[in-house]
Amino acid sequence: MSNTTGRAARLLATAGLVLAVAAAAAVLGAGPGTRFGLWHFRTAFQVMRLGAYAGVAALLLGVIALLARGPRGRALGAAALGLCVFLGPLLWSRSAGQVPPIHDIATDTDDPPVFVDVVARRSAATNPVAYGGPEIAAQQHRAFPDLAPLHLDVPPAEALHRAVQAARGLHWEIVSEAPAQGRLEATDTTFWFGFKDDVVVRVRPEGAGSRVDVRSLSRVGRGDLGMNAKRIRRFLERLRSA
């Protein structure tokens, strides 16, 4: 291998590794940037997209450097990191495509629980608190057929108490407790982007026990990547085992 070829291979490997690190920083920093108010979440999505493209470029540079017998460590690092950076947003995008573009999920779509006290906190929200109706319900039932009310063999007051404890155990911010109405309202903040999603729990008497319904609603975004359904499942599992 000539000196010129060797120098070019080293430059490719170095450039690929630098680009891979920059791409990783962009993808990993997109969410926290939104969480701490540095940019809008749509900007974060664009940053992630550009980071994924940069990851592909870093992967190609690393592979070319390997073929040109450049520094093996740098070339492999560029290729491996570039591939990981590309796969992250790709899998995230595929995951989004597997669920309907809805952001309001309820265990009772005929008579969904109503938000009351949390409404004042949603002044900047782009998604309304009014339920979307039969079309949204149909999409939910196709995507998440397992979501259903929870029946507990305890009186409503005890069921609501357990619901509050379950919400606290999930680190939700309790907005209000209304025992007379059998209602609990809370807010959950997602870890990576810091999205605020609101939850209302409704407890009604049913025979000698109680029926618990839950509704989870995102403040922004057309779709939620299935997060509201996952949140309801986690809550009901915790409540069931309480």
Protein backbone atom coordinates (compact mmCIF):
# COMPACT_ATOMS: atom_id res chain seq x y z
CA MET A 1 0.00 0.00 0.00
CA SER A 2 1.44 3.38 -1.05
CA ASN A 3 1.90 6.26 1.37
CA THR A 4 -0.82 8.22 -0.42
CA THR A 5 -3.29 5.35 -0.17
CA GLY A 6 -2.39 4.75 3.45
CA ARG A 7 -2.85 8.42 4.30
CA ALA A 8 -6.24 8.47 2.56
CA ALA A 9 -7.33 5.35 4.44
CA ARG A 10 -6.32 6.92 7.77
CA LEU A 11 -8.22 10.10 6.92
CA LEU A 12 -11.31 8.11 5.98
CA ALA A 13 -11.19 6.13 9.22
CA THR A 14 -10.70 9.27 11.31
CA ALA A 15 -13.40 11.20 9.47
CA GLY A 16 -15.80 8.26 9.83
CA LEU A 17 -15.19 7.98 13.55
CA VAL A 18 -15.60 11.73 14.12
CA LEU A 19 -18.80 11.73 12.07
CA ALA A 20 -20.14 8.70 13.97
CA VAL A 21 -19.49 10.38 17.33
CA ALA A 22 -21.19 13.58 16.14
CA ALA A 23 -24.16 11.59 14.83
CA ALA A 24 -24.47 9.72 18.12
CA ALA A 25 -24.39 13.01 20.05
CA ALA A 26 -27.14 14.40 17.82
CA VAL A 27 -29.42 11.38 18.21
CA LEU A 28 -28.84 10.98 21.94
CA GLY A 29 -29.16 14.71 22.62
CA ALA A 30 -32.34 15.30 20.62
CA GLY A 31 -34.67 14.12 23.38
CA PRO A 32 -32.99 15.84 26.35
CA GLY A 33 -32.82 19.05 24.29
CA THR A 34 -36.59 18.97 24.07
CA ARG A 35 -36.96 18.04 27.73
CA PHE A 36 -34.94 21.06 28.85
CA GLY A 37 -36.59 23.49 26.44
CA LEU A 38 -33.68 23.99 24.05
CA TRP A 39 -35.82 23.27 20.99
CA HIS A 40 -39.26 22.12 19.84
CA PHE A 41 -39.91 18.38 19.72
CA ARG A 42 -40.36 18.55 15.94
CA THR A 43 -36.86 20.01 15.70
CA ALA A 44 -35.64 17.10 17.80
CA PHE A 45 -37.20 14.64 15.35
CA GLN A 46 -35.39 16.40 12.49
CA VAL A 47 -32.10 16.27 14.42
CA MET A 48 -32.58 12.53 14.95
CA ARG A 49 -33.28 12.05 11.24
CA LEU A 50 -30.13 13.94 10.25
CA GLY A 51 -28.17 12.02 12.86
CA ALA A 52 -29.35 8.74 11.34
CA TYR A 53 -28.22 9.85 7.87
CA ALA A 54 -24.86 10.87 9.33
CA GLY A 55 -24.64 7.42 10.92
CA VAL A 56 -25.05 5.80 7.51
CA ALA A 57 -22.30 8.04 6.10
CA ALA A 58 -20.01 7.12 9.01
CA LEU A 59 -20.72 3.43 8.43
CA LEU A 60 -19.78 3.73 4.76
CA LEU A 61 -16.59 5.64 5.56
CA GLY A 62 -15.63 2.99 8.10
CA VAL A 63 -16.23 0.16 5.63
CA ILE A 64 -14.25 1.92 2.90
CA ALA A 65 -11.39 2.55 5.34
CA LEU A 66 -11.39 -1.15 6.27
CA LEU A 67 -11.25 -2.19 2.64
CA ALA A 68 -8.42 0.27 2.08
CA ARG A 69 -6.61 -1.28 5.07
CA GLY A 70 -6.78 1.84 7.17
CA PRO A 71 -6.40 1.84 10.98
CA ARG A 72 -8.55 -1.12 11.98
CA GLY A 73 -9.67 0.23 15.34
CA ARG A 74 -10.83 3.60 14.02
CA ALA A 75 -12.45 2.06 10.95
CA LEU A 76 -14.32 -0.56 12.97
CA GLY A 77 -15.35 2.05 15.50
CA ALA A 78 -16.76 4.30 12.77
CA ALA A 79 -18.63 1.42 11.14
CA ALA A 80 -20.02 -0.03 14.37
CA LEU A 81 -21.04 3.27 15.92
CA GLY A 82 -22.47 4.53 12.64
CA LEU A 83 -24.58 1.37 12.35
CA CYS A 84 -25.89 1.71 15.92
CA VAL A 85 -26.74 5.38 15.38
CA PHE A 86 -28.66 4.51 12.23
CA LEU A 87 -30.50 1.54 13.74
CA GLY A 88 -31.81 3.49 16.76
CA PRO A 89 -34.00 5.97 14.85
CA LEU A 90 -34.87 3.27 12.29
CA LEU A 91 -36.29 0.93 14.94
CA TRP A 92 -38.03 3.86 16.62
CA SER A 93 -39.62 4.82 13.29
CA ARG A 94 -40.71 1.24 12.61
CA SER A 95 -42.21 1.04 16.07
CA ALA A 96 -44.20 4.20 15.36
CA GLY A 97 -45.51 2.67 12.16
CA GLN A 98 -46.87 -0.37 13.98
CA VAL A 99 -49.41 1.60 16.04
CA PRO A 100 -52.14 3.99 14.86
CA PRO A 101 -51.41 7.75 14.90
CA ILE A 102 -53.61 8.43 17.92
CA HIS A 103 -52.77 9.98 21.28
CA ASP A 104 -55.88 9.41 23.45
CA ILE A 105 -56.43 5.94 24.95
CA ALA A 106 -59.21 4.85 27.32
CA THR A 107 -60.43 1.58 28.79
CA ASP A 108 -64.01 2.78 28.18
CA THR A 109 -64.34 4.32 24.73
CA ASP A 110 -68.14 4.55 24.92
CA ASP A 111 -68.02 6.69 28.06
CA PRO A 112 -64.38 7.74 28.53
CA PRO A 113 -63.34 9.26 31.88
CA VAL A 114 -63.43 13.06 31.80
CA PHE A 115 -60.57 15.39 32.70
CA VAL A 116 -61.49 18.17 35.13
CA ASP A 117 -58.70 19.53 37.30
CA VAL A 118 -55.86 18.88 34.87
CA VAL A 119 -57.45 20.99 32.12
CA ALA A 120 -55.97 24.22 33.49
CA ARG A 121 -52.49 22.76 33.07
CA ARG A 122 -53.05 22.06 29.38
CA SER A 123 -53.21 25.67 28.19
CA ALA A 124 -50.22 25.14 25.88
CA ALA A 125 -51.35 21.69 24.73
CA THR A 126 -52.17 21.18 21.06
CA ASN A 127 -54.37 18.13 21.73
CA PRO A 128 -57.88 18.83 23.08
CA VAL A 129 -59.34 17.05 26.11
CA ALA A 130 -62.54 16.21 24.23
CA TYR A 131 -62.52 12.55 23.17
CA GLY A 132 -62.21 11.95 19.42
CA GLY A 133 -65.21 9.63 19.14
CA PRO A 134 -65.93 6.37 17.28
CA GLU A 135 -63.10 6.70 14.73
CA ILE A 136 -60.44 6.97 17.45
CA ALA A 137 -62.15 4.19 19.41
CA ALA A 138 -62.11 1.87 16.39
CA GLN A 139 -58.39 2.44 15.82
CA GLN A 140 -57.68 1.79 19.48
CA HIS A 141 -59.67 -1.46 19.58
CA ARG A 142 -57.82 -2.78 16.52
CA ALA A 143 -54.40 -1.90 17.91
CA PHE A 144 -54.91 -2.57 21.63
CA PRO A 145 -57.76 -5.08 22.02
CA ASP A 146 -56.54 -6.10 25.49
CA LEU A 147 -57.33 -2.75 27.12
CA ALA A 148 -60.42 -3.08 29.30
CA PRO A 149 -61.78 -1.88 32.65
CA LEU A 150 -60.40 -3.48 35.80
CA HIS A 151 -62.81 -5.06 38.27
CA LEU A 152 -61.76 -5.09 41.93
CA ASP A 153 -63.48 -6.87 44.81
CA VAL A 154 -63.20 -3.85 47.11
CA PRO A 155 -65.43 -0.80 47.70
CA PRO A 156 -64.83 2.30 45.52
CA ALA A 157 -63.10 4.23 48.31
CA GLU A 158 -60.54 1.46 48.76
CA ALA A 159 -60.13 1.06 45.00
CA LEU A 160 -59.43 4.78 44.64
CA HIS A 161 -56.92 4.65 47.49
CA ARG A 162 -55.13 1.80 45.76
CA ALA A 163 -55.20 3.76 42.50
CA VAL A 164 -53.48 6.70 44.17
CA GLN A 165 -50.80 4.44 45.59
CA ALA A 166 -50.29 2.78 42.21
CA ALA A 167 -49.93 6.18 40.53
CA ARG A 168 -47.37 7.28 43.09
CA GLY A 169 -45.51 4.02 42.64
CA LEU A 170 -45.20 4.85 38.94
CA HIS A 171 -43.88 8.32 39.86
CA TRP A 172 -46.84 10.17 38.39
CA GLU A 173 -47.49 13.69 39.61
CA ILE A 174 -50.82 13.63 41.41
CA VAL A 175 -52.88 16.61 40.24
CA SER A 176 -56.06 15.94 42.24
CA GLU A 177 -57.98 13.35 44.20
CA ALA A 178 -61.78 13.57 44.24
CA PRO A 179 -63.10 10.69 46.39
CA ALA A 180 -66.71 11.90 46.18
CA GLN A 181 -66.58 11.64 42.39
CA GLY A 182 -64.33 8.57 42.39
CA ARG A 183 -61.74 10.41 40.31
CA LEU A 184 -57.96 10.69 40.30
CA GLU A 185 -56.04 12.94 37.91
CA ALA A 186 -52.29 12.84 37.37
CA THR A 187 -49.51 13.74 34.95
CA ASP A 188 -46.74 11.44 33.75
CA THR A 189 -43.55 12.86 32.23
CA THR A 190 -41.72 10.67 29.71
CA PHE A 191 -38.07 9.99 30.44
CA TRP A 192 -36.30 10.91 27.22
CA PHE A 193 -38.24 13.79 25.65
CA GLY A 194 -39.98 15.00 28.79
CA PHE A 195 -43.42 14.87 27.16
CA LYS A 196 -46.30 15.56 29.57
CA ASP A 197 -49.15 13.05 29.31
CA ASP A 198 -52.22 13.38 31.50
CA VAL A 199 -54.14 10.53 33.12
CA VAL A 200 -57.58 10.35 34.68
CA VAL A 201 -58.73 7.33 36.70
CA ARG A 202 -62.44 6.80 37.33
CA VAL A 203 -63.77 4.43 40.00
CA ARG A 204 -67.42 3.40 40.06
CA PRO A 205 -69.31 0.89 42.21
CA GLU A 206 -70.04 -2.41 40.51
CA GLY A 207 -71.95 -5.00 42.51
CA ALA A 208 -70.11 -5.57 45.75
CA GLY A 209 -66.87 -4.24 44.24
CA SER A 210 -65.59 -1.54 41.93
CA ARG A 211 -64.92 -0.88 38.28
CA VAL A 212 -61.80 1.10 37.41
CA ASP A 213 -61.43 2.92 34.09
CA VAL A 214 -58.36 4.81 32.92
CA ARG A 215 -57.72 7.34 30.20
CA SER A 216 -54.30 8.60 29.14
CA LEU A 217 -53.94 11.62 26.84
CA SER A 218 -50.83 13.22 25.33
CA ARG A 219 -50.59 17.00 25.35
CA VAL A 220 -48.77 17.25 22.01
CA GLY A 221 -48.18 15.09 18.96
CA ARG A 222 -50.57 13.34 16.63
CA GLY A 223 -49.32 9.87 17.60
CA ASP A 224 -47.82 8.54 20.83
CA LEU A 225 -45.87 5.43 19.68
CA GLY A 226 -48.18 3.34 21.87
CA MET A 227 -47.01 5.04 25.08
CA ASN A 228 -50.49 5.80 26.43
CA ALA A 229 -51.55 2.17 26.04
CA LYS A 230 -48.34 0.99 27.74
CA ARG A 231 -48.92 3.45 30.57
CA ILE A 232 -52.45 2.17 31.17
CA ARG A 233 -51.25 -1.45 31.13
CA ARG A 234 -48.52 -0.73 33.68
CA PHE A 235 -50.97 1.08 35.93
CA LEU A 236 -53.60 -1.67 35.78
CA GLU A 237 -51.00 -4.38 36.42
CA ARG A 238 -49.77 -2.54 39.48
CA LEU A 239 -53.31 -1.91 40.69
CA ARG A 240 -54.30 -5.52 40.11
CA SER A 241 -51.42 -6.78 42.24
CA ALA A 242 -51.88 -4.17 45.01
